[in-house]
């Protein structure tokens, strides 16, 4: 991502998901293995929207397959939700292991001058294309930071 000019603030509805939680250090290799296991368990499910990851700090990550409201939860997965609410959304283009830089710029460069402050809840990453089909340079990810209006003092 080359600039923060494309950040948009939008209200999102909750997204229901079937998830797996990473139970080891967050690295490109460990998250790749986690997503591989999730894809195998969700094979054949109808497409209900982009898969998403939920990140709470540097210690917690959950890979989630978006489910339609009526779909049963696949065996071995945990029901999870991308919370509804207001998000600052920036598009990250390129390798997944660089998403942290986009989030860092969103928090450090955009947020202080935005009229918003950090809201509660995890940062969500919505994966807009499939890494099994797109070259790494063409990967597109929405980085969604929960926000609330910053009250004027």
N, C-alpha and C. Protein backbone atom coordinates (compact mmCIF):
# COMPACT_ATOMS: atom_id res chain seq x y z
N UNK A 1 0.85 -1.17 0.00
CA UNK A 1 0.00 0.00 0.00
C UNK A 1 0.90 1.23 0.00
N UNK A 2 0.62 2.17 -0.88
CA UNK A 2 1.50 3.32 -1.01
C UNK A 2 1.00 4.55 -0.28
N UNK A 3 -0.29 4.63 0.04
CA UNK A 3 -0.76 5.80 0.75
C UNK A 3 -1.97 5.45 1.60
N UNK A 4 -2.28 6.34 2.52
CA UNK A 4 -3.44 6.14 3.37
C UNK A 4 -4.64 6.90 2.82
N UNK A 5 -4.51 7.50 1.65
CA UNK A 5 -5.59 8.30 1.08
C UNK A 5 -6.83 7.46 0.81
N UNK A 6 -6.67 6.16 0.58
CA UNK A 6 -7.80 5.31 0.23
C UNK A 6 -8.55 4.75 1.41
N UNK A 7 -8.27 5.18 2.63
CA UNK A 7 -8.97 4.65 3.80
C UNK A 7 -10.41 5.13 3.76
N UNK A 8 -11.31 4.19 4.01
CA UNK A 8 -12.72 4.56 4.11
C UNK A 8 -13.25 4.07 5.46
N UNK A 9 -14.21 4.78 6.00
CA UNK A 9 -14.85 4.38 7.24
C UNK A 9 -16.25 3.93 6.88
N UNK A 10 -16.58 2.70 7.31
CA UNK A 10 -17.89 2.17 6.96
C UNK A 10 -18.44 1.29 8.08
N UNK A 11 -19.76 1.23 8.11
CA UNK A 11 -20.42 0.37 9.08
C UNK A 11 -20.60 -1.01 8.45
N UNK A 12 -20.19 -2.03 9.19
CA UNK A 12 -20.28 -3.41 8.71
C UNK A 12 -21.26 -4.19 9.57
N UNK A 13 -22.01 -5.06 8.92
CA UNK A 13 -22.85 -6.01 9.64
C UNK A 13 -21.96 -7.14 10.15
N UNK A 14 -22.38 -7.83 11.21
CA UNK A 14 -21.59 -8.97 11.67
C UNK A 14 -21.50 -10.04 10.57
N UNK A 15 -20.40 -10.75 10.53
CA UNK A 15 -20.21 -11.85 9.58
C UNK A 15 -20.00 -13.13 10.38
N UNK A 16 -20.84 -14.11 10.14
CA UNK A 16 -20.73 -15.40 10.83
C UNK A 16 -19.65 -16.23 10.17
N UNK A 17 -18.85 -16.89 10.98
CA UNK A 17 -17.77 -17.69 10.42
C UNK A 17 -17.56 -18.99 11.16
N UNK A 18 -16.88 -19.91 10.48
CA UNK A 18 -16.40 -21.15 11.06
C UNK A 18 -14.89 -20.99 11.17
N UNK A 19 -14.36 -21.12 12.38
CA UNK A 19 -12.96 -20.76 12.57
C UNK A 19 -12.09 -21.81 13.22
N UNK A 20 -10.79 -21.59 13.03
CA UNK A 20 -9.74 -22.33 13.71
C UNK A 20 -8.82 -21.30 14.35
N UNK A 21 -8.44 -21.52 15.59
CA UNK A 21 -7.56 -20.60 16.30
C UNK A 21 -6.12 -21.10 16.23
N UNK A 22 -5.21 -20.19 15.96
CA UNK A 22 -3.79 -20.52 15.92
C UNK A 22 -3.32 -20.75 17.35
N UNK A 23 -2.70 -21.88 17.58
CA UNK A 23 -2.26 -22.23 18.93
C UNK A 23 -0.74 -22.28 19.03
N UNK A 24 -0.09 -21.44 18.24
CA UNK A 24 1.37 -21.32 18.27
C UNK A 24 1.70 -19.89 17.86
N UNK A 25 2.98 -19.55 17.80
CA UNK A 25 3.39 -18.19 17.43
C UNK A 25 2.84 -17.83 16.05
N UNK A 26 2.46 -16.56 15.90
CA UNK A 26 1.94 -16.08 14.62
C UNK A 26 3.12 -15.82 13.68
N UNK A 27 3.23 -16.67 12.67
CA UNK A 27 4.26 -16.51 11.63
C UNK A 27 3.59 -16.79 10.29
N UNK A 28 4.21 -16.37 9.18
CA UNK A 28 3.62 -16.71 7.88
C UNK A 28 3.44 -18.22 7.70
N UNK A 29 4.36 -19.02 8.21
CA UNK A 29 4.27 -20.47 8.07
C UNK A 29 3.11 -21.03 8.89
N UNK A 30 2.99 -20.58 10.15
CA UNK A 30 1.93 -21.13 11.02
C UNK A 30 0.55 -20.71 10.53
N UNK A 31 0.40 -19.47 10.07
CA UNK A 31 -0.91 -19.07 9.57
C UNK A 31 -1.22 -19.78 8.25
N UNK A 32 -0.21 -20.02 7.43
CA UNK A 32 -0.42 -20.77 6.19
C UNK A 32 -0.93 -22.18 6.46
N UNK A 33 -0.34 -22.85 7.45
CA UNK A 33 -0.80 -24.20 7.82
C UNK A 33 -2.23 -24.15 8.35
N UNK A 34 -2.53 -23.13 9.17
CA UNK A 34 -3.87 -22.98 9.73
C UNK A 34 -4.90 -22.83 8.62
N UNK A 35 -4.60 -21.96 7.64
CA UNK A 35 -5.53 -21.76 6.53
C UNK A 35 -5.67 -23.03 5.70
N UNK A 36 -4.60 -23.78 5.53
CA UNK A 36 -4.68 -25.05 4.80
C UNK A 36 -5.65 -26.01 5.47
N UNK A 37 -5.58 -26.11 6.80
CA UNK A 37 -6.50 -26.98 7.54
C UNK A 37 -7.94 -26.49 7.43
N UNK A 38 -8.12 -25.16 7.48
CA UNK A 38 -9.47 -24.60 7.38
C UNK A 38 -10.06 -24.88 6.00
N UNK A 39 -9.28 -24.65 4.94
CA UNK A 39 -9.78 -24.91 3.58
C UNK A 39 -10.22 -26.36 3.43
N UNK A 40 -9.47 -27.29 3.97
CA UNK A 40 -9.84 -28.71 3.87
C UNK A 40 -11.17 -29.00 4.56
N UNK A 41 -11.37 -28.40 5.72
CA UNK A 41 -12.61 -28.66 6.48
C UNK A 41 -13.82 -27.96 5.87
N UNK A 42 -13.60 -26.90 5.11
CA UNK A 42 -14.71 -26.13 4.54
C UNK A 42 -14.94 -26.43 3.07
N UNK A 43 -14.20 -27.37 2.53
CA UNK A 43 -14.34 -27.73 1.12
C UNK A 43 -15.79 -28.11 0.82
N UNK A 44 -16.32 -27.53 -0.24
CA UNK A 44 -17.68 -27.83 -0.66
C UNK A 44 -18.75 -26.94 -0.06
N UNK A 45 -18.39 -26.09 0.91
CA UNK A 45 -19.39 -25.17 1.47
C UNK A 45 -19.68 -24.06 0.47
N UNK A 46 -20.92 -23.56 0.45
CA UNK A 46 -21.23 -22.45 -0.46
C UNK A 46 -20.44 -21.20 -0.07
N UNK A 47 -20.10 -20.41 -1.08
CA UNK A 47 -19.36 -19.17 -0.86
C UNK A 47 -20.32 -18.14 -0.26
N UNK A 48 -20.01 -17.68 0.94
CA UNK A 48 -20.86 -16.70 1.62
C UNK A 48 -20.16 -15.36 1.79
N UNK A 49 -19.03 -15.19 1.15
CA UNK A 49 -18.26 -13.96 1.28
C UNK A 49 -16.81 -14.29 1.50
N UNK A 50 -15.97 -13.27 1.49
CA UNK A 50 -14.53 -13.52 1.64
C UNK A 50 -14.21 -14.15 2.99
N UNK A 51 -13.27 -15.08 3.03
CA UNK A 51 -12.80 -15.57 4.32
C UNK A 51 -12.13 -14.41 5.06
N UNK A 52 -12.06 -14.54 6.38
CA UNK A 52 -11.48 -13.45 7.16
C UNK A 52 -10.63 -14.00 8.30
N UNK A 53 -9.69 -13.18 8.73
CA UNK A 53 -8.86 -13.48 9.89
C UNK A 53 -9.15 -12.46 10.96
N UNK A 54 -9.13 -12.89 12.21
CA UNK A 54 -9.32 -11.99 13.35
C UNK A 54 -8.04 -12.00 14.17
N UNK A 55 -7.50 -10.81 14.36
CA UNK A 55 -6.22 -10.65 15.05
C UNK A 55 -6.44 -9.78 16.29
N UNK A 56 -6.06 -10.32 17.44
CA UNK A 56 -6.10 -9.56 18.70
C UNK A 56 -4.67 -9.42 19.19
N UNK A 57 -4.09 -8.27 18.98
CA UNK A 57 -2.70 -8.04 19.36
C UNK A 57 -1.77 -8.90 18.53
N UNK A 58 -0.66 -9.29 19.12
CA UNK A 58 0.32 -10.10 18.39
C UNK A 58 0.27 -11.56 18.82
N UNK A 59 -0.65 -11.90 19.72
CA UNK A 59 -0.66 -13.24 20.28
C UNK A 59 -1.85 -14.10 19.86
N UNK A 60 -2.87 -13.52 19.25
CA UNK A 60 -4.07 -14.30 18.95
C UNK A 60 -4.50 -14.08 17.50
N UNK A 61 -4.71 -15.19 16.78
CA UNK A 61 -5.16 -15.12 15.39
C UNK A 61 -6.13 -16.26 15.14
N UNK A 62 -7.23 -15.94 14.47
CA UNK A 62 -8.22 -16.94 14.12
C UNK A 62 -8.52 -16.84 12.63
N UNK A 63 -8.43 -17.96 11.92
CA UNK A 63 -8.78 -18.05 10.50
C UNK A 63 -10.24 -18.45 10.40
N UNK A 64 -11.03 -17.74 9.59
CA UNK A 64 -12.48 -17.95 9.57
C UNK A 64 -13.01 -18.05 8.14
N UNK A 65 -13.87 -19.03 7.93
CA UNK A 65 -14.58 -19.21 6.66
C UNK A 65 -15.95 -18.59 6.85
N UNK A 66 -16.35 -17.65 5.99
CA UNK A 66 -17.64 -17.00 6.11
C UNK A 66 -18.76 -17.99 5.80
N UNK A 67 -19.74 -18.05 6.70
CA UNK A 67 -20.87 -18.97 6.55
C UNK A 67 -22.17 -18.21 6.34
N UNK A 68 -23.06 -18.76 5.52
CA UNK A 68 -24.43 -18.26 5.44
C UNK A 68 -25.11 -18.53 6.78
N UNK A 69 -26.09 -17.69 7.16
CA UNK A 69 -26.75 -17.89 8.45
C UNK A 69 -27.32 -19.30 8.66
N UNK A 70 -27.83 -19.94 7.62
CA UNK A 70 -28.44 -21.26 7.79
C UNK A 70 -27.50 -22.44 7.68
N UNK A 71 -26.25 -22.20 7.28
CA UNK A 71 -25.31 -23.31 7.12
C UNK A 71 -24.92 -23.91 8.46
N UNK A 72 -24.85 -25.25 8.53
CA UNK A 72 -24.35 -25.87 9.76
C UNK A 72 -22.86 -25.61 9.92
N UNK A 73 -22.42 -25.66 11.14
CA UNK A 73 -21.00 -25.48 11.45
C UNK A 73 -20.26 -26.77 11.11
N UNK A 74 -19.23 -26.71 10.25
CA UNK A 74 -18.47 -27.92 9.95
C UNK A 74 -17.83 -28.51 11.21
N UNK A 75 -17.74 -29.82 11.23
CA UNK A 75 -17.17 -30.53 12.38
C UNK A 75 -15.73 -30.07 12.65
N UNK A 76 -15.43 -29.89 13.91
CA UNK A 76 -14.08 -29.53 14.32
C UNK A 76 -13.77 -28.04 14.26
N UNK A 77 -14.76 -27.23 13.88
CA UNK A 77 -14.55 -25.78 13.80
C UNK A 77 -15.37 -25.08 14.87
N UNK A 78 -14.94 -23.89 15.23
CA UNK A 78 -15.60 -23.08 16.24
C UNK A 78 -16.43 -22.01 15.56
N UNK A 79 -17.65 -21.79 16.04
CA UNK A 79 -18.44 -20.69 15.49
C UNK A 79 -17.84 -19.38 15.97
N UNK A 80 -17.67 -18.46 15.05
CA UNK A 80 -17.05 -17.18 15.38
C UNK A 80 -17.77 -16.09 14.61
N UNK A 81 -17.41 -14.86 14.89
CA UNK A 81 -18.07 -13.74 14.23
C UNK A 81 -17.11 -12.58 14.07
N UNK A 82 -17.13 -11.99 12.88
CA UNK A 82 -16.49 -10.69 12.71
C UNK A 82 -17.53 -9.70 13.23
N UNK A 83 -17.23 -9.01 14.34
CA UNK A 83 -18.24 -8.14 14.94
C UNK A 83 -18.72 -7.06 13.98
N UNK A 84 -19.98 -6.73 14.11
CA UNK A 84 -20.52 -5.60 13.37
C UNK A 84 -20.05 -4.30 14.01
N UNK A 85 -20.13 -3.22 13.26
CA UNK A 85 -19.76 -1.92 13.79
C UNK A 85 -19.00 -1.10 12.76
N UNK A 86 -18.42 -0.02 13.23
CA UNK A 86 -17.68 0.89 12.36
C UNK A 86 -16.22 0.46 12.24
N UNK A 87 -15.73 0.50 11.01
CA UNK A 87 -14.35 0.11 10.72
C UNK A 87 -13.69 1.14 9.80
N UNK A 88 -12.42 1.40 10.06
CA UNK A 88 -11.57 2.07 9.07
C UNK A 88 -11.00 0.95 8.22
N UNK A 89 -11.19 1.04 6.91
CA UNK A 89 -10.81 -0.04 6.00
C UNK A 89 -9.76 0.47 5.02
N UNK A 90 -8.63 -0.22 5.01
CA UNK A 90 -7.55 0.08 4.05
C UNK A 90 -7.31 -1.19 3.23
N UNK A 91 -7.02 -1.02 1.96
CA UNK A 91 -6.71 -2.17 1.10
C UNK A 91 -5.20 -2.40 1.12
N UNK A 92 -4.82 -3.62 1.48
CA UNK A 92 -3.42 -4.04 1.40
C UNK A 92 -3.26 -4.83 0.11
N UNK A 93 -2.26 -4.47 -0.67
CA UNK A 93 -1.97 -5.19 -1.91
C UNK A 93 -0.62 -5.86 -1.77
N UNK A 94 -0.59 -7.18 -2.01
CA UNK A 94 0.67 -7.90 -1.95
C UNK A 94 0.68 -8.98 -0.89
N UNK A 95 1.89 -9.36 -0.50
CA UNK A 95 2.12 -10.50 0.38
C UNK A 95 1.42 -10.35 1.73
N UNK A 96 0.88 -11.45 2.21
CA UNK A 96 0.21 -11.45 3.51
C UNK A 96 1.16 -11.11 4.64
N UNK A 97 2.43 -11.48 4.52
CA UNK A 97 3.36 -11.21 5.62
C UNK A 97 3.71 -9.73 5.75
N UNK A 98 3.17 -8.90 4.86
CA UNK A 98 3.37 -7.45 4.94
C UNK A 98 2.12 -6.71 5.45
N UNK A 99 1.06 -7.45 5.76
CA UNK A 99 -0.18 -6.81 6.22
C UNK A 99 0.06 -5.98 7.48
N UNK A 100 0.94 -6.43 8.35
CA UNK A 100 1.24 -5.69 9.57
C UNK A 100 1.70 -4.27 9.30
N UNK A 101 2.41 -4.06 8.20
CA UNK A 101 2.85 -2.70 7.86
C UNK A 101 1.67 -1.81 7.48
N UNK A 102 0.71 -2.38 6.76
CA UNK A 102 -0.48 -1.61 6.41
C UNK A 102 -1.25 -1.25 7.68
N UNK A 103 -1.40 -2.19 8.59
CA UNK A 103 -2.09 -1.92 9.85
C UNK A 103 -1.33 -0.87 10.65
N UNK A 104 -0.02 -0.98 10.71
CA UNK A 104 0.79 0.00 11.43
C UNK A 104 0.59 1.41 10.87
N UNK A 105 0.57 1.54 9.56
CA UNK A 105 0.36 2.86 8.95
C UNK A 105 -1.05 3.37 9.22
N UNK A 106 -2.02 2.47 9.21
CA UNK A 106 -3.40 2.85 9.50
C UNK A 106 -3.50 3.41 10.91
N UNK A 107 -2.88 2.74 11.87
CA UNK A 107 -2.94 3.16 13.28
C UNK A 107 -2.07 4.39 13.55
N UNK A 108 -0.86 4.40 13.02
CA UNK A 108 0.08 5.48 13.35
C UNK A 108 -0.06 6.72 12.47
N UNK A 109 -0.39 6.55 11.20
CA UNK A 109 -0.45 7.69 10.29
C UNK A 109 -1.87 8.23 10.09
N UNK A 110 -2.82 7.34 9.91
CA UNK A 110 -4.18 7.77 9.58
C UNK A 110 -5.00 8.09 10.83
N UNK A 111 -5.02 7.20 11.80
CA UNK A 111 -5.92 7.31 12.95
C UNK A 111 -5.77 8.61 13.74
N UNK A 112 -4.55 9.08 14.05
CA UNK A 112 -4.42 10.29 14.87
C UNK A 112 -5.05 11.54 14.26
N UNK A 113 -5.24 11.58 12.96
CA UNK A 113 -5.76 12.77 12.28
C UNK A 113 -7.14 12.52 11.67
N UNK A 114 -7.78 11.44 12.06
CA UNK A 114 -9.00 11.00 11.37
C UNK A 114 -10.30 11.48 12.00
N UNK A 115 -10.27 11.89 13.28
CA UNK A 115 -11.52 12.18 13.98
C UNK A 115 -12.12 10.94 14.62
N UNK A 116 -11.38 9.84 14.58
CA UNK A 116 -11.81 8.58 15.19
C UNK A 116 -10.74 8.11 16.16
N UNK A 117 -11.14 7.19 17.03
CA UNK A 117 -10.17 6.51 17.89
C UNK A 117 -10.42 5.02 17.76
N UNK A 118 -9.48 4.25 18.25
CA UNK A 118 -9.55 2.79 18.16
C UNK A 118 -10.76 2.29 18.92
N UNK A 119 -11.56 1.47 18.29
CA UNK A 119 -12.69 0.84 18.96
C UNK A 119 -12.30 -0.48 19.58
N UNK A 120 -13.25 -1.10 20.25
CA UNK A 120 -13.02 -2.41 20.85
C UNK A 120 -13.12 -3.49 19.78
N UNK A 121 -12.51 -4.61 20.06
CA UNK A 121 -12.63 -5.76 19.18
C UNK A 121 -11.37 -6.00 18.36
N UNK A 122 -11.35 -7.14 17.70
CA UNK A 122 -10.16 -7.52 16.94
C UNK A 122 -10.06 -6.77 15.62
N UNK A 123 -8.85 -6.69 15.11
CA UNK A 123 -8.63 -6.23 13.74
C UNK A 123 -9.03 -7.39 12.83
N UNK A 124 -9.77 -7.07 11.78
CA UNK A 124 -10.19 -8.11 10.83
C UNK A 124 -9.43 -7.92 9.52
N UNK A 125 -9.07 -9.04 8.94
CA UNK A 125 -8.45 -9.05 7.60
C UNK A 125 -9.39 -9.84 6.71
N UNK A 126 -9.93 -9.21 5.67
CA UNK A 126 -10.83 -9.90 4.72
C UNK A 126 -10.04 -10.15 3.44
N UNK A 127 -9.91 -11.41 3.08
CA UNK A 127 -9.06 -11.82 1.95
C UNK A 127 -9.91 -11.84 0.68
N UNK A 128 -9.66 -10.87 -0.20
CA UNK A 128 -10.54 -10.63 -1.34
C UNK A 128 -10.28 -11.54 -2.53
N UNK A 129 -9.11 -12.17 -2.59
CA UNK A 129 -8.86 -13.15 -3.65
C UNK A 129 -8.12 -14.34 -3.06
N UNK A 130 -8.00 -15.39 -3.85
CA UNK A 130 -7.52 -16.68 -3.37
C UNK A 130 -6.03 -16.83 -3.63
N UNK A 131 -5.23 -17.03 -2.57
CA UNK A 131 -3.78 -17.16 -2.77
C UNK A 131 -3.39 -18.41 -3.56
N UNK A 132 -4.31 -19.34 -3.70
CA UNK A 132 -4.03 -20.53 -4.51
C UNK A 132 -4.16 -20.23 -6.00
N UNK A 133 -4.79 -19.08 -6.33
CA UNK A 133 -5.03 -18.74 -7.73
C UNK A 133 -4.35 -17.45 -8.17
N UNK A 134 -4.05 -16.55 -7.24
CA UNK A 134 -3.48 -15.25 -7.59
C UNK A 134 -2.00 -15.20 -7.21
N UNK A 135 -1.18 -14.56 -8.05
CA UNK A 135 0.22 -14.36 -7.66
C UNK A 135 0.29 -13.50 -6.39
N UNK A 136 1.33 -13.69 -5.60
CA UNK A 136 1.47 -12.96 -4.34
C UNK A 136 1.34 -11.45 -4.52
N UNK A 137 1.92 -10.91 -5.58
CA UNK A 137 1.88 -9.46 -5.80
C UNK A 137 0.46 -8.96 -6.06
N UNK A 138 -0.45 -9.85 -6.48
CA UNK A 138 -1.82 -9.45 -6.80
C UNK A 138 -2.81 -9.70 -5.66
N UNK A 139 -2.35 -10.21 -4.53
CA UNK A 139 -3.25 -10.47 -3.42
C UNK A 139 -3.82 -9.15 -2.90
N UNK A 140 -5.11 -9.16 -2.57
CA UNK A 140 -5.79 -7.97 -2.05
C UNK A 140 -6.50 -8.35 -0.75
N UNK A 141 -6.23 -7.55 0.28
CA UNK A 141 -6.79 -7.81 1.61
C UNK A 141 -7.33 -6.52 2.18
N UNK A 142 -8.56 -6.56 2.70
CA UNK A 142 -9.08 -5.43 3.45
C UNK A 142 -8.58 -5.55 4.89
N UNK A 143 -7.92 -4.52 5.37
CA UNK A 143 -7.50 -4.45 6.77
C UNK A 143 -8.53 -3.56 7.47
N UNK A 144 -9.27 -4.14 8.41
CA UNK A 144 -10.43 -3.48 9.01
C UNK A 144 -10.16 -3.21 10.49
N UNK A 145 -9.97 -1.95 10.83
CA UNK A 145 -9.67 -1.52 12.19
C UNK A 145 -10.95 -0.99 12.84
N UNK A 146 -11.40 -1.58 13.96
CA UNK A 146 -12.60 -1.05 14.62
C UNK A 146 -12.34 0.39 15.10
N UNK A 147 -13.31 1.28 14.84
CA UNK A 147 -13.17 2.68 15.24
C UNK A 147 -14.48 3.20 15.83
N UNK A 148 -14.35 4.26 16.61
CA UNK A 148 -15.49 5.02 17.13
C UNK A 148 -15.14 6.49 16.97
N UNK A 149 -16.16 7.37 16.85
CA UNK A 149 -15.86 8.80 16.75
C UNK A 149 -15.09 9.28 17.97
N UNK A 150 -14.10 10.12 17.73
CA UNK A 150 -13.31 10.71 18.81
C UNK A 150 -14.06 11.94 19.29
N UNK A 151 -14.53 11.96 20.54
CA UNK A 151 -15.31 13.11 21.01
C UNK A 151 -14.47 14.39 21.00
N UNK A 152 -15.11 15.48 20.64
CA UNK A 152 -14.45 16.79 20.65
C UNK A 152 -14.43 17.29 22.09
N UNK A 153 -13.25 17.69 22.53
CA UNK A 153 -13.13 18.16 23.92
C UNK A 153 -13.37 19.64 24.01
